[in-house]
Amino acid sequence: MSEAVIRTVTSPPDLLASLEPLLREWLPRQRWFAGKGRPVTGLSLVAATDLLPADSRLGLHHVLVRAHQQAAPAGAVAEGPGDCYQLLIGTREALPPRLAPALIGHVTGGPAAGRTAYDALYDTRPAEVLLEALRSGARIGGLRFERAPGADIRAGLVPRLTTAEQSNSSVVYGDTFILKVLRRIVPGVNPDLELPLALAREGCPRVPAPAGWMVADLDGRTWLLGVLQPFLQGATDGWELALRELAKGEDFVAEARALGRATAEVHSALARALPTVTLGHAHARQLAGGMTARLEEAARAVPLLRPYAPALRTAFTALAGLAAEGRTWTAQRVHGDLHLGQCLRAPDGEWSLIDFEGEPARSLAERRLPQPAVRDVAGMLRSFDYAAHSAGVRGTGWTESCRAAYCTGYAQAGGRDPRTDPVLLRAYETDKAVYEVLYEARHRPDWLEVPLAAVRRLSVPEPA
């Protein structure tokens, strides 16, 4: 490692105090900030470490900060007293024009007084520091950088920050690796590393194997900070590909079928790699009860949903009824937030699944629970609906053909055809649509009609 990284020390305790006024304004504006719509009432420092000395031409501070806000809306998950965020803050005497989008503000006090603070992931040198730390397996204060056995992480790869809208930040290194830097972090075993590692041990080619990862060891607990994986050069995510094909007037049936096969292969590998459980009456009743509670909460928050609530509730009571009759289901580890944007198609036509973090709004413990594999299937089916809406082709049969092809491909790859269990599939798709109604009402009202259309369809169950 470079001398600058070796001589890392803990950041001065007054660092946050000098940055707090700037961060309270800057944090809520970031696309990955989870507490949108609620003012930040205060910040508290969880940990801070210098990755480059504060008195050098370029200072680099790794900061874990907890954002305190007004009470969260009903249904939001709280992992503790305020969400904890990972920040990489650079300080310079002056910010060059290329880093203008990264500006946090000008520091007037504390150890960085007179300097300009900015989001360091936009900058080449700080990003190089992270890769070098992963390459060499560094230990820097409470930060631990791990390199996977056998991973060939070369030095000198040129970094660039990706600009896609997402809940984290990603840096690509020379079209060889991509480092996903988690922004909102929680302690414990994170499926974003746990599941790809398990799939790598199983030899599943559908998920890029982690080459390295960074964690923080604090108060006897481990917090995942980032995962380095191979960059799939030339790959296109499923959302972009679907919209491109729609724009050309092409169907997406062959791709949907191939994507179904890839999903089933990942599910089969996860079932081999990690324990599965049987959901009996008690578990299914609890599952249906949680879905019903989420429906009631969403109906209270979104008046447009209320007329459909009684009919939607039958999807969950039907599931509980089957369980009462003795029906059981197998539950396993799943992706947890599967949609077209979480899938990449390589130039050779092969599909990969990425981003196993799960729904960020759910607690880490909930994200790690075994679930019926159909939960992922329901997420993908809903994603086809969103793509059709975005391209303005709803009602043309595009969504229906993609749904059918995806389920067919899933069955062909050894998974059970989801359509053979219509009660379970309807329950999970209804639960997902209800979640979408609440999300869109809060964040994207212009998109609210998409899940509401699904709600209307799901209110009338198809004949068995």
Protein backbone atom coordinates (compact mmCIF):
# COMPACT_ATOMS: atom_id res chain seq x y z
CA MET A 1 0.00 0.00 0.00
CA SER A 2 1.04 3.60 -0.40
CA GLU A 3 2.61 5.36 2.57
CA ALA A 4 -0.36 7.73 2.78
CA VAL A 5 -2.74 4.84 3.41
CA ILE A 6 -0.48 3.05 5.89
CA ARG A 7 -0.23 6.06 8.19
CA THR A 8 -4.01 6.40 8.49
CA VAL A 9 -5.29 7.69 11.82
CA THR A 10 -8.70 8.27 13.36
CA SER A 11 -10.24 11.56 12.29
CA PRO A 12 -10.27 14.42 14.81
CA PRO A 13 -13.41 14.36 16.99
CA ASP A 14 -14.39 17.86 15.91
CA LEU A 15 -14.49 16.90 12.23
CA LEU A 16 -18.23 16.21 12.23
CA ALA A 17 -19.00 19.38 14.15
CA SER A 18 -17.37 21.44 11.43
CA LEU A 19 -19.15 19.52 8.66
CA GLU A 20 -22.58 19.15 10.26
CA PRO A 21 -24.18 22.36 8.93
CA LEU A 22 -23.12 21.40 5.42
CA LEU A 23 -24.18 17.75 5.70
CA ARG A 24 -27.62 18.61 7.08
CA GLU A 25 -28.33 20.46 3.84
CA TRP A 26 -26.46 18.09 1.51
CA LEU A 27 -27.60 14.67 2.74
CA PRO A 28 -31.35 15.00 2.00
CA ARG A 29 -30.57 16.00 -1.60
CA GLN A 30 -28.73 12.76 -2.38
CA ARG A 31 -30.57 10.16 -4.43
CA TRP A 32 -29.57 7.41 -1.97
CA PHE A 33 -30.87 9.24 1.12
CA ALA A 34 -33.68 7.11 2.54
CA GLY A 35 -35.48 9.71 4.67
CA LYS A 36 -36.83 11.89 1.88
CA GLY A 37 -39.41 14.47 2.92
CA ARG A 38 -38.30 14.62 6.56
CA PRO A 39 -35.85 17.31 7.70
CA VAL A 40 -32.57 16.21 9.28
CA THR A 41 -32.76 17.45 12.86
CA GLY A 42 -29.24 16.41 13.83
CA LEU A 43 -26.26 14.21 13.06
CA SER A 44 -24.23 12.00 15.37
CA LEU A 45 -20.87 10.46 14.58
CA VAL A 46 -20.63 6.66 14.55
CA ALA A 47 -17.02 6.46 13.35
CA ALA A 48 -14.55 8.50 11.32
CA THR A 49 -11.20 7.46 9.87
CA ASP A 50 -8.68 9.33 7.76
CA LEU A 51 -7.79 7.45 4.58
CA LEU A 52 -5.54 10.31 3.50
CA PRO A 53 -4.13 12.81 6.04
CA ALA A 54 -6.31 15.84 6.70
CA ASP A 55 -3.31 18.17 6.29
CA SER A 56 -2.36 16.85 2.85
CA ARG A 57 -3.25 18.51 -0.45
CA LEU A 58 -6.15 16.10 -0.67
CA GLY A 59 -7.80 14.97 2.57
CA LEU A 60 -9.96 11.85 2.56
CA HIS A 61 -12.26 11.00 5.48
CA HIS A 62 -14.32 7.84 5.82
CA VAL A 63 -17.31 8.84 7.95
CA LEU A 64 -20.20 6.82 9.34
CA VAL A 65 -22.86 9.23 10.50
CA ARG A 66 -26.32 8.75 11.92
CA ALA A 67 -29.00 11.12 10.63
CA HIS A 68 -31.71 12.01 13.12
CA GLN A 69 -35.04 13.02 11.61
CA GLN A 70 -38.62 13.65 12.50
CA ALA A 71 -40.76 10.55 13.05
CA ALA A 72 -40.84 8.19 10.08
CA PRO A 73 -44.14 7.55 8.30
CA ALA A 74 -46.14 4.53 9.35
CA GLY A 75 -44.67 1.29 8.06
CA ALA A 76 -41.12 2.54 7.60
CA VAL A 77 -38.50 0.27 9.14
CA ALA A 78 -36.25 1.74 11.82
CA GLU A 79 -33.02 -0.17 12.46
CA GLY A 80 -32.11 2.12 15.34
CA PRO A 81 -32.18 5.76 16.43
CA GLY A 82 -31.84 7.22 12.93
CA ASP A 83 -30.39 5.78 9.73
CA CYS A 84 -26.62 5.35 9.51
CA TYR A 85 -24.93 6.50 6.29
CA GLN A 86 -21.49 5.87 4.85
CA LEU A 87 -19.77 8.98 3.51
CA LEU A 88 -16.41 9.38 1.82
CA ILE A 89 -15.62 13.05 2.20
CA GLY A 90 -12.75 14.67 0.38
CA THR A 91 -11.31 18.08 1.26
CA ARG A 92 -9.36 20.35 -1.08
CA GLU A 93 -8.30 23.95 -0.98
CA ALA A 94 -10.28 24.49 -4.17
CA LEU A 95 -12.55 22.22 -6.17
CA PRO A 96 -11.73 21.81 -9.88
CA PRO A 97 -14.66 22.26 -12.29
CA ARG A 98 -14.86 18.53 -13.01
CA LEU A 99 -15.82 17.92 -9.37
CA ALA A 100 -18.53 20.60 -9.20
CA PRO A 101 -21.35 18.00 -8.99
CA ALA A 102 -19.68 16.54 -5.89
CA LEU A 103 -19.67 19.76 -3.85
CA ILE A 104 -20.79 19.49 -0.24
CA GLY A 105 -19.74 22.99 0.84
CA HIS A 106 -17.02 25.23 2.17
CA VAL A 107 -15.76 24.43 5.68
CA THR A 108 -15.41 27.41 8.01
CA GLY A 109 -14.16 25.74 11.20
CA GLY A 110 -12.49 22.67 12.64
CA PRO A 111 -9.52 20.74 11.21
CA ALA A 112 -10.63 21.34 7.60
CA ALA A 113 -11.30 25.09 7.98
CA GLY A 114 -10.81 27.02 4.77
CA ARG A 115 -11.10 23.93 2.59
CA THR A 116 -13.88 22.66 0.34
CA ALA A 117 -15.64 19.40 1.23
CA TYR A 118 -17.02 17.14 -1.48
CA ASP A 119 -18.23 13.60 -2.20
CA ALA A 120 -14.90 11.88 -2.78
CA LEU A 121 -16.28 9.01 -4.85
CA TYR A 122 -16.44 11.44 -7.79
CA ASP A 123 -12.66 11.85 -7.60
CA THR A 124 -10.07 9.54 -9.13
CA ARG A 125 -7.48 9.51 -6.33
CA PRO A 126 -9.88 8.64 -3.45
CA ALA A 127 -11.41 5.87 -5.56
CA GLU A 128 -7.91 4.52 -6.20
CA VAL A 129 -7.27 4.46 -2.45
CA LEU A 130 -10.26 2.14 -1.94
CA LEU A 131 -9.15 -0.28 -4.65
CA GLU A 132 -5.59 -0.35 -3.33
CA ALA A 133 -6.90 -1.08 0.16
CA LEU A 134 -8.94 -4.00 -1.22
CA ARG A 135 -6.03 -5.25 -3.31
CA SER A 136 -3.67 -5.34 -0.32
CA GLY A 137 -6.17 -6.49 2.33
CA ALA A 138 -5.66 -3.39 4.47
CA ARG A 139 -6.73 -2.82 8.07
CA ILE A 140 -7.35 0.87 8.68
CA GLY A 141 -8.64 1.68 12.13
CA GLY A 142 -12.00 -0.06 12.40
CA LEU A 143 -12.14 -0.61 8.64
CA ARG A 144 -11.28 -3.99 7.17
CA PHE A 145 -10.67 -4.56 3.46
CA GLU A 146 -10.91 -8.20 2.38
CA ARG A 147 -9.69 -9.75 -0.85
CA ALA A 148 -11.32 -12.99 -1.97
CA PRO A 149 -8.91 -15.94 -2.25
CA GLY A 150 -7.56 -16.14 -5.77
CA ALA A 151 -8.96 -12.78 -6.85
CA ASP A 152 -6.65 -10.98 -9.27
CA ILE A 153 -7.06 -7.31 -8.37
CA ARG A 154 -4.57 -5.36 -10.43
CA ALA A 155 -3.27 -1.96 -9.43
CA GLY A 156 -3.65 1.06 -11.67
CA LEU A 157 -7.20 0.47 -12.91
CA VAL A 158 -8.77 3.83 -13.78
CA PRO A 159 -11.95 4.49 -11.74
CA ARG A 160 -15.16 6.22 -12.76
CA LEU A 161 -18.34 6.80 -10.76
CA THR A 162 -21.52 5.49 -12.36
CA THR A 163 -24.42 7.93 -12.66
CA ALA A 164 -27.41 5.56 -12.63
CA GLU A 165 -30.21 6.33 -10.18
CA GLN A 166 -29.86 3.89 -7.29
CA SER A 167 -29.88 3.61 -3.53
CA ASN A 168 -26.10 3.16 -3.34
CA SER A 169 -23.04 4.36 -5.26
CA SER A 170 -20.90 2.34 -7.66
CA VAL A 171 -17.39 2.89 -9.00
CA VAL A 172 -16.17 1.03 -12.11
CA TYR A 173 -12.45 0.27 -12.32
CA GLY A 174 -11.12 0.02 -15.85
CA ASP A 175 -14.06 -2.08 -17.11
CA THR A 176 -12.68 -4.88 -14.89
CA PHE A 177 -14.37 -4.45 -11.51
CA ILE A 178 -17.30 -2.57 -10.03
CA LEU A 179 -17.31 -1.52 -6.38
CA LYS A 180 -20.75 -1.10 -4.89
CA VAL A 181 -20.48 1.30 -1.95
CA LEU A 182 -23.45 0.92 0.37
CA ARG A 183 -24.83 4.22 1.58
CA ARG A 184 -27.43 3.35 4.21
CA ILE A 185 -25.75 0.69 6.32
CA VAL A 186 -26.86 -1.60 9.13
CA PRO A 187 -24.94 -4.05 11.30
CA GLY A 188 -25.13 -7.77 10.72
CA VAL A 189 -24.78 -10.32 7.94
CA ASN A 190 -25.77 -8.55 4.74
CA PRO A 191 -27.29 -10.66 1.94
CA ASP A 192 -25.58 -8.45 -0.64
CA LEU A 193 -22.35 -10.29 0.23
CA GLU A 194 -23.71 -13.44 1.88
CA LEU A 195 -25.70 -14.68 -1.11
CA PRO A 196 -23.14 -14.01 -3.90
CA LEU A 197 -20.48 -15.75 -1.78
CA ALA A 198 -22.78 -18.74 -1.28
CA LEU A 199 -23.55 -18.86 -5.01
CA ALA A 200 -19.84 -18.63 -5.84
CA ARG A 201 -19.15 -21.63 -3.60
CA GLU A 202 -21.93 -23.46 -5.43
CA GLY A 203 -20.35 -22.62 -8.79
CA CYS A 204 -23.40 -20.70 -10.05
CA PRO A 205 -22.33 -18.68 -13.13
CA ARG A 206 -25.41 -16.43 -13.04
CA VAL A 207 -24.07 -14.13 -10.29
CA PRO A 208 -20.66 -12.39 -10.41
CA ALA A 209 -18.48 -13.77 -7.61
CA PRO A 210 -17.23 -11.16 -5.10
CA ALA A 211 -13.54 -10.29 -5.56
CA GLY A 212 -13.36 -8.30 -2.33
CA TRP A 213 -15.38 -6.46 0.26
CA MET A 214 -15.02 -3.75 2.88
CA VAL A 215 -16.50 -3.85 6.37
CA ALA A 216 -16.41 -1.86 9.59
CA ASP A 217 -15.93 -3.60 12.94
CA LEU A 218 -17.67 -1.45 15.54
CA ASP A 219 -18.87 -2.28 19.04
CA GLY A 220 -18.47 -6.00 18.44
CA ARG A 221 -20.62 -5.90 15.29
CA THR A 222 -19.75 -6.03 11.61
CA TRP A 223 -21.19 -3.56 9.10
CA LEU A 224 -20.87 -4.30 5.38
CA LEU A 225 -19.66 -1.18 3.56
CA GLY A 226 -19.05 -2.33 0.00
CA VAL A 227 -18.60 -5.26 -2.39
CA LEU A 228 -16.16 -5.51 -5.31
CA GLN A 229 -17.31 -7.74 -8.18
CA PRO A 230 -16.30 -8.35 -11.80
CA PHE A 231 -17.66 -5.73 -14.16
CA LEU A 232 -19.69 -7.33 -16.94
CA GLN A 233 -18.38 -5.28 -19.84
CA GLY A 234 -20.90 -4.65 -22.59
CA ALA A 235 -23.80 -5.97 -20.53
CA THR A 236 -27.18 -4.23 -20.64
CA ASP A 237 -29.59 -4.18 -17.74
CA GLY A 238 -32.99 -5.72 -18.34
CA TRP A 239 -34.89 -2.48 -17.94
CA GLU A 240 -32.87 -0.65 -20.59
CA LEU A 241 -33.02 -3.65 -22.90
CA ALA A 242 -36.78 -4.02 -22.57
CA LEU A 243 -37.36 -0.33 -23.32
CA ARG A 244 -34.98 -0.49 -26.28
CA GLU A 245 -36.82 -3.47 -27.77
CA LEU A 246 -40.16 -1.79 -27.16
CA ALA A 247 -38.96 1.36 -28.92
CA LYS A 248 -38.04 -0.75 -31.96
CA GLY A 249 -41.39 -2.50 -31.92
CA GLU A 250 -39.77 -5.82 -31.06
CA ASP A 251 -41.18 -8.29 -28.60
CA PHE A 252 -39.30 -9.42 -25.51
CA VAL A 253 -40.54 -13.00 -25.34
CA ALA A 254 -37.25 -14.78 -25.98
CA GLU A 255 -35.44 -12.58 -23.47
CA ALA A 256 -38.16 -13.02 -20.87
CA ARG A 257 -37.97 -16.79 -21.28
CA ALA A 258 -34.17 -16.75 -20.91
CA LEU A 259 -34.48 -14.50 -17.87
CA GLY A 260 -36.93 -16.98 -16.34
CA ARG A 261 -34.40 -19.76 -16.83
CA ALA A 262 -31.65 -17.68 -15.22
CA THR A 263 -33.86 -16.91 -12.23
CA ALA A 264 -34.69 -20.59 -11.70
CA GLU A 265 -31.00 -21.52 -11.90
CA VAL A 266 -30.15 -18.99 -9.19
CA HIS A 267 -33.00 -20.21 -7.01
CA SER A 268 -31.88 -23.84 -7.43
CA ALA A 269 -28.30 -22.92 -6.50
CA LEU A 270 -29.46 -20.98 -3.42
CA ALA A 271 -31.59 -23.93 -2.33
CA ARG A 272 -28.52 -26.18 -2.57
CA ALA A 273 -26.17 -23.72 -0.88
CA LEU A 274 -28.30 -22.60 2.07
CA PRO A 275 -30.92 -24.25 4.29
CA THR A 276 -34.55 -24.47 3.20
CA VAL A 277 -37.58 -24.68 5.48
CA THR A 278 -41.16 -25.88 5.17
CA LEU A 279 -43.91 -23.34 5.69
CA GLY A 280 -46.80 -24.98 7.47
CA HIS A 281 -50.04 -23.60 8.83
CA ALA A 282 -48.54 -21.33 11.49
CA HIS A 283 -45.92 -19.83 9.18
CA ALA A 284 -48.37 -19.31 6.33
CA ARG A 285 -50.89 -17.70 8.64
CA GLN A 286 -48.17 -15.34 9.87
CA LEU A 287 -47.16 -14.61 6.27
CA ALA A 288 -50.74 -13.83 5.27
CA GLY A 289 -51.18 -11.71 8.38
CA GLY A 290 -48.18 -9.58 7.47
CA MET A 291 -49.50 -9.06 3.96
CA THR A 292 -52.90 -8.09 5.34
CA ALA A 293 -51.33 -5.60 7.74
CA ARG A 294 -49.37 -3.97 4.92
CA LEU A 295 -52.57 -3.70 2.88
CA GLU A 296 -54.44 -2.01 5.71
CA GLU A 297 -51.60 0.42 6.31
CA ALA A 298 -51.39 1.31 2.61
CA ALA A 299 -55.17 1.76 2.39
CA ARG A 300 -55.05 4.21 5.29
CA ALA A 301 -52.31 6.20 3.57
CA VAL A 302 -53.65 6.09 -0.02
CA PRO A 303 -57.41 6.73 -0.33
CA LEU A 304 -57.48 5.50 -3.95
CA LEU A 305 -56.61 2.01 -2.70
CA ARG A 306 -59.46 1.75 -0.20
CA PRO A 307 -62.26 0.61 -2.56
CA TYR A 308 -60.17 -2.40 -3.59
CA ALA A 309 -58.95 -3.41 -0.14
CA PRO A 310 -61.70 -5.94 0.67
CA ALA A 311 -61.19 -7.80 -2.63
CA LEU A 312 -57.41 -7.70 -2.30
CA ARG A 313 -57.65 -9.10 1.21
CA THR A 314 -59.14 -12.30 -0.24
CA ALA A 315 -55.75 -13.05 -1.82
CA PHE A 316 -54.28 -13.36 1.65
CA THR A 317 -57.20 -15.15 3.28
CA ALA A 318 -57.12 -17.69 0.45
CA LEU A 319 -53.46 -18.38 1.23
CA ALA A 320 -54.20 -18.81 4.92
CA GLY A 321 -57.13 -21.05 4.01
CA LEU A 322 -54.96 -23.40 1.97
CA ALA A 323 -52.52 -23.64 4.87
CA ALA A 324 -55.37 -24.47 7.24
CA GLU A 325 -56.27 -27.36 4.94
CA GLY A 326 -52.76 -28.75 5.34
CA ARG A 327 -51.00 -27.25 2.32
CA THR A 328 -47.28 -26.56 2.83
CA TRP A 329 -44.68 -24.63 0.83
CA THR A 330 -40.90 -24.71 0.64
CA ALA A 331 -39.12 -21.51 1.62
CA GLN A 332 -35.52 -20.68 0.77
CA ARG A 333 -33.20 -17.72 0.43
CA VAL A 334 -34.20 -15.53 -2.51
CA HIS A 335 -33.04 -12.35 -4.21
CA GLY A 336 -35.67 -10.30 -2.38
CA ASP A 337 -35.94 -7.32 -4.75
CA LEU A 338 -35.92 -8.81 -8.22
CA HIS A 339 -36.88 -6.67 -11.20
CA LEU A 340 -35.58 -5.95 -14.69
CA GLY A 341 -33.06 -3.42 -13.41
CA GLN A 342 -31.41 -6.10 -11.24
CA CYS A 343 -30.58 -8.29 -14.24
CA LEU A 344 -27.79 -7.92 -16.80
CA ARG A 345 -27.64 -9.51 -20.25
CA ALA A 346 -24.14 -10.05 -21.60
CA PRO A 347 -23.35 -9.57 -25.30
CA ASP A 348 -23.46 -13.39 -25.70
CA GLY A 349 -27.09 -13.37 -24.51
CA GLU A 350 -26.48 -14.84 -21.05
CA TRP A 351 -28.31 -13.26 -18.12
CA SER A 352 -26.87 -12.49 -14.67
CA LEU A 353 -28.59 -11.38 -11.47
CA ILE A 354 -27.06 -8.63 -9.33
CA ASP A 355 -27.75 -6.58 -6.19
CA PHE A 356 -28.83 -9.09 -3.54
CA GLU A 357 -29.29 -6.43 -0.87
CA GLY A 358 -33.07 -6.95 -0.80
CA GLU A 359 -35.68 -4.23 -0.29
CA PRO A 360 -33.87 -1.47 1.63
CA ALA A 361 -37.11 -0.52 3.42
CA ARG A 362 -37.18 -3.91 5.17
CA SER A 363 -35.04 -4.78 8.18
CA LEU A 364 -31.90 -6.82 7.65
CA ALA A 365 -33.35 -9.72 9.65
CA GLU A 366 -36.45 -9.78 7.44
CA ARG A 367 -34.38 -9.65 4.26
CA ARG A 368 -32.51 -12.79 5.36
CA LEU A 369 -35.61 -14.88 6.06
CA PRO A 370 -36.29 -17.88 3.79
CA GLN A 371 -39.23 -17.17 1.51
CA PRO A 372 -41.09 -19.01 -1.25
CA ALA A 373 -39.18 -18.51 -4.50
CA VAL A 374 -42.35 -17.14 -6.07
CA ARG A 375 -41.73 -13.87 -4.26
CA ASP A 376 -38.93 -13.09 -6.75
CA VAL A 377 -41.15 -14.23 -9.61
CA ALA A 378 -43.88 -11.82 -8.54
CA GLY A 379 -41.38 -8.96 -8.48
CA MET A 380 -40.32 -9.68 -12.05
CA LEU A 381 -43.89 -9.97 -13.27
CA ARG A 382 -44.63 -6.56 -11.81
CA SER A 383 -41.50 -5.19 -13.51
CA PHE A 384 -42.83 -6.18 -16.95
CA ASP A 385 -45.92 -4.09 -16.19
CA TYR A 386 -43.75 -1.08 -15.34
CA ALA A 387 -41.76 -1.44 -18.56
CA ALA A 388 -44.93 -1.54 -20.63
CA HIS A 389 -46.22 1.60 -18.92
CA SER A 390 -42.94 3.43 -19.41
CA ALA A 391 -43.01 2.64 -23.14
CA GLY A 392 -46.71 3.42 -23.49
CA VAL A 393 -47.73 -0.06 -24.64
CA ARG A 394 -49.95 -1.17 -21.79
CA GLY A 395 -53.00 -3.05 -23.02
CA THR A 396 -51.25 -4.35 -26.15
CA GLY A 397 -50.54 -7.83 -24.81
CA TRP A 398 -46.79 -7.18 -24.39
CA THR A 399 -46.91 -7.64 -20.61
CA GLU A 400 -48.97 -10.81 -20.82
CA SER A 401 -46.64 -12.44 -23.35
CA CYS A 402 -43.59 -11.57 -21.24
CA ARG A 403 -45.22 -12.91 -18.09
CA ALA A 404 -46.06 -16.20 -19.78
CA ALA A 405 -42.61 -16.55 -21.35
CA TYR A 406 -40.85 -15.81 -18.07
CA CYS A 407 -42.86 -18.46 -16.20
CA THR A 408 -42.28 -20.95 -19.00
CA GLY A 409 -38.52 -20.35 -18.91
CA TYR A 410 -38.54 -20.67 -15.14
CA ALA A 411 -40.23 -24.08 -15.39
CA GLN A 412 -37.86 -25.22 -18.17
CA ALA A 413 -34.83 -24.64 -15.96
CA GLY A 414 -36.05 -26.99 -13.28
CA GLY A 415 -38.14 -24.63 -11.23
CA ARG A 416 -41.79 -25.31 -10.68
CA ASP A 417 -44.02 -23.28 -12.98
CA PRO A 418 -45.31 -20.46 -10.74
CA ARG A 419 -48.66 -20.55 -12.49
CA THR A 420 -49.39 -23.99 -11.04
CA ASP A 421 -49.78 -22.36 -7.61
CA PRO A 422 -52.10 -19.44 -8.46
CA VAL A 423 -53.07 -18.71 -4.84
CA LEU A 424 -49.48 -18.20 -3.71
CA LEU A 425 -48.57 -16.24 -6.84
CA ARG A 426 -51.60 -13.97 -6.48
CA ALA A 427 -50.82 -13.33 -2.81
CA TYR A 428 -47.23 -12.29 -3.53
CA GLU A 429 -48.11 -10.22 -6.59
CA THR A 430 -50.86 -8.47 -4.62
CA ASP A 431 -48.47 -7.76 -1.76
CA LYS A 432 -45.96 -6.31 -4.23
CA ALA A 433 -48.59 -4.14 -5.95
CA VAL A 434 -49.75 -2.80 -2.58
CA TYR A 435 -46.15 -1.91 -1.72
CA GLU A 436 -45.86 -0.13 -5.07
CA VAL A 437 -49.05 1.88 -4.47
CA LEU A 438 -47.67 3.18 -1.20
CA TYR A 439 -44.24 3.91 -2.70
CA GLU A 440 -45.56 5.72 -5.76
CA ALA A 441 -48.03 7.76 -3.73
CA ARG A 442 -45.16 9.02 -1.58
CA HIS A 443 -42.41 9.41 -4.15
CA ARG A 444 -43.73 9.35 -7.74
CA PRO A 445 -47.43 10.25 -7.92
CA ASP A 446 -47.26 10.32 -11.72
CA TRP A 447 -46.59 6.56 -11.66
CA LEU A 448 -49.39 5.68 -9.25
CA GLU A 449 -51.65 4.45 -12.03
CA VAL A 450 -49.24 1.57 -12.79
CA PRO A 451 -49.76 -0.35 -9.53
CA LEU A 452 -53.40 0.79 -9.34
CA ALA A 453 -54.05 -0.94 -12.67
CA ALA A 454 -52.54 -4.09 -11.21
CA VAL A 455 -54.66 -3.66 -8.09
CA ARG A 456 -57.80 -3.57 -10.22
CA ARG A 457 -56.74 -6.73 -12.04
CA LEU A 458 -55.76 -8.57 -8.85
CA SER A 459 -59.03 -7.63 -7.21
CA VAL A 460 -60.71 -10.15 -9.51
CA PRO A 461 -58.92 -13.50 -9.09
CA GLU A 462 -58.53 -15.58 -12.21
CA PRO A 463 -60.50 -18.85 -12.37
CA ALA A 464 -58.61 -21.78 -10.90
